[in-house]
Amino acid sequence: MNIFIDTWAFFALLDGNDAHHKKSKEVWVRVLKPENNLVTTSYVLVESFALIQSRLGMDAVKGFQNDILPLISIEWVGENVQARAMSALLAASKKSLSLVDCVSFEVIRQLGISTVFCFDPHFSEQGFSLIP
């Protein structure tokens, strides 16, 4: 099964003080199976690196780079996906919705993914199944 992973799932996995840390560790163990393909985007990576670096520091960034990213398939976002995501963001006109989210929605649909590991309700609003 293809499973998309969003920024806050990565962050909760690394931050022992995060309210979702325990649950994210449980989910991580469940999804790390050979039959699963864990997917994220280059935009989520940029957002994740910035968040992890600013809140947890460079040691956490190194752990993310060395221990987690080798297990993830990265979809590199091109101009067409970015343009569609920007159009969706402007059409939605929601302050709490980000371009990174809209890019994720585009890529998830493009790849036919239905399951997302995240803690962001915007994904369920888009009709995706969330874990946890």
Protein backbone atom coordinates (compact mmCIF):
# COMPACT_ATOMS: atom_id res chain seq x y z
CA MET A 1 0.00 0.00 0.00
CA ASN A 2 1.17 3.55 -0.73
CA ILE A 3 1.06 5.81 2.33
CA PHE A 4 1.70 9.53 2.13
CA ILE A 5 3.50 11.13 5.10
CA ASP A 6 3.01 14.78 6.01
CA THR A 7 5.26 17.19 7.91
CA TRP A 8 3.61 16.95 11.31
CA ALA A 9 3.84 13.15 11.32
CA PHE A 10 7.59 13.41 10.78
CA PHE A 11 7.86 16.07 13.48
CA ALA A 12 5.78 14.14 16.03
CA LEU A 13 7.91 11.08 15.39
CA LEU A 14 11.08 13.00 16.29
CA ASP A 15 9.83 15.20 19.14
CA GLY A 16 9.40 13.24 22.35
CA ASN A 17 7.49 16.19 23.85
CA ASP A 18 4.92 16.40 21.04
CA ALA A 19 1.37 15.46 22.03
CA HIS A 20 1.26 12.99 19.11
CA HIS A 21 4.69 11.44 19.69
CA LYS A 22 3.54 8.17 21.25
CA LYS A 23 0.86 7.62 18.61
CA SER A 24 3.22 8.51 15.77
CA LYS A 25 5.77 5.95 17.00
CA GLU A 26 3.05 3.28 17.08
CA VAL A 27 1.94 4.17 13.55
CA TRP A 28 5.54 4.27 12.30
CA VAL A 29 6.12 0.70 13.49
CA ARG A 30 2.87 -0.41 11.78
CA VAL A 31 3.61 1.23 8.43
CA LEU A 32 7.25 0.13 8.20
CA LYS A 33 6.46 -3.07 6.35
CA PRO A 34 7.92 -4.27 3.06
CA GLU A 35 4.51 -4.17 1.36
CA ASN A 36 4.13 -0.44 2.12
CA ASN A 37 5.63 2.36 0.07
CA LEU A 38 6.03 5.49 2.18
CA VAL A 39 5.79 8.64 0.08
CA THR A 40 6.26 12.36 0.61
CA THR A 41 7.02 15.39 -1.56
CA SER A 42 10.02 17.63 -1.90
CA TYR A 43 7.82 20.46 -0.54
CA VAL A 44 7.05 18.46 2.62
CA LEU A 45 10.78 17.84 3.02
CA VAL A 46 11.58 21.55 2.87
CA GLU A 47 8.84 22.29 5.40
CA SER A 48 9.93 19.38 7.63
CA PHE A 49 13.60 20.32 7.61
CA ALA A 50 12.78 23.92 8.52
CA LEU A 51 10.42 22.88 11.33
CA ILE A 52 12.75 20.24 12.75
CA GLN A 53 15.77 22.55 12.60
CA SER A 54 14.01 25.49 14.22
CA ARG A 55 12.32 23.52 16.99
CA LEU A 56 14.60 20.54 17.64
CA GLY A 57 18.03 21.52 16.29
CA MET A 58 20.60 20.11 13.92
CA ASP A 59 21.03 16.75 15.67
CA ALA A 60 17.35 16.04 14.98
CA VAL A 61 17.82 17.15 11.35
CA LYS A 62 20.71 14.69 11.02
CA GLY A 63 18.59 11.92 12.54
CA PHE A 64 15.77 12.71 10.13
CA GLN A 65 18.17 12.71 7.17
CA ASN A 66 20.02 9.55 8.16
CA ASP A 67 17.37 7.38 9.80
CA ILE A 68 14.01 8.29 8.29
CA LEU A 69 14.51 9.66 4.79
CA PRO A 70 16.21 6.54 3.41
CA LEU A 71 12.89 4.75 4.03
CA ILE A 72 10.80 7.30 2.10
CA SER A 73 10.06 7.69 -1.62
CA ILE A 74 10.26 11.35 -2.54
CA GLU A 75 8.08 12.85 -5.25
CA TRP A 76 9.89 15.87 -6.65
CA VAL A 77 7.40 18.61 -7.41
CA GLY A 78 7.49 20.09 -10.87
CA GLU A 79 6.09 23.25 -12.36
CA ASN A 80 2.72 21.77 -13.40
CA VAL A 81 1.91 20.34 -9.97
CA GLN A 82 3.00 23.58 -8.29
CA ALA A 83 0.78 25.63 -10.64
CA ARG A 84 -2.27 23.42 -9.98
CA ALA A 85 -1.62 23.58 -6.24
CA MET A 86 -1.32 27.37 -6.33
CA SER A 87 -4.64 27.59 -8.20
CA ALA A 88 -6.27 25.32 -5.61
CA LEU A 89 -4.85 27.39 -2.76
CA LEU A 90 -6.14 30.66 -4.24
CA ALA A 91 -9.54 29.12 -4.98
CA ALA A 92 -9.87 27.74 -1.44
CA SER A 93 -8.97 31.13 0.04
CA LYS A 94 -8.37 29.68 3.53
CA LYS A 95 -5.79 31.26 5.78
CA SER A 96 -4.99 27.95 7.48
CA LEU A 97 -4.41 26.00 4.24
CA SER A 98 -0.83 26.06 2.94
CA LEU A 99 0.72 25.69 -0.48
CA VAL A 100 2.55 22.63 0.86
CA ASP A 101 -0.82 21.05 1.73
CA CYS A 102 -2.23 21.81 -1.72
CA VAL A 103 0.87 20.36 -3.40
CA SER A 104 0.45 17.25 -1.23
CA PHE A 105 -3.20 16.91 -2.29
CA GLU A 106 -2.22 17.16 -5.97
CA VAL A 107 0.53 14.55 -5.67
CA ILE A 108 -1.59 12.19 -3.58
CA ARG A 109 -4.35 12.28 -6.20
CA GLN A 110 -1.88 11.97 -9.06
CA LEU A 111 -0.38 8.83 -7.48
CA GLY A 112 -3.75 7.35 -6.51
CA ILE A 113 -2.89 7.31 -2.80
CA SER A 114 -5.78 7.13 -0.36
CA THR A 115 -4.03 6.81 3.02
CA VAL A 116 -2.14 9.62 4.75
CA PHE A 117 -0.08 9.52 7.95
CA CYS A 118 -0.69 12.97 9.41
CA PHE A 119 -2.36 15.01 12.11
CA ASP A 120 -3.77 17.69 9.80
CA PRO A 121 -7.58 17.72 9.36
CA HIS A 122 -7.23 19.32 5.91
CA PHE A 123 -6.36 15.87 4.53
CA SER A 124 -9.58 14.27 5.77
CA GLU A 125 -11.51 17.29 4.43
CA GLN A 126 -10.07 16.34 1.04
CA GLY A 127 -11.42 12.80 1.40
CA PHE A 128 -8.24 10.96 2.32
CA SER A 129 -8.10 8.26 5.03
CA LEU A 130 -5.90 9.32 7.91
CA ILE A 131 -3.73 7.22 10.14
CA PRO A 132 -3.71 7.29 13.06
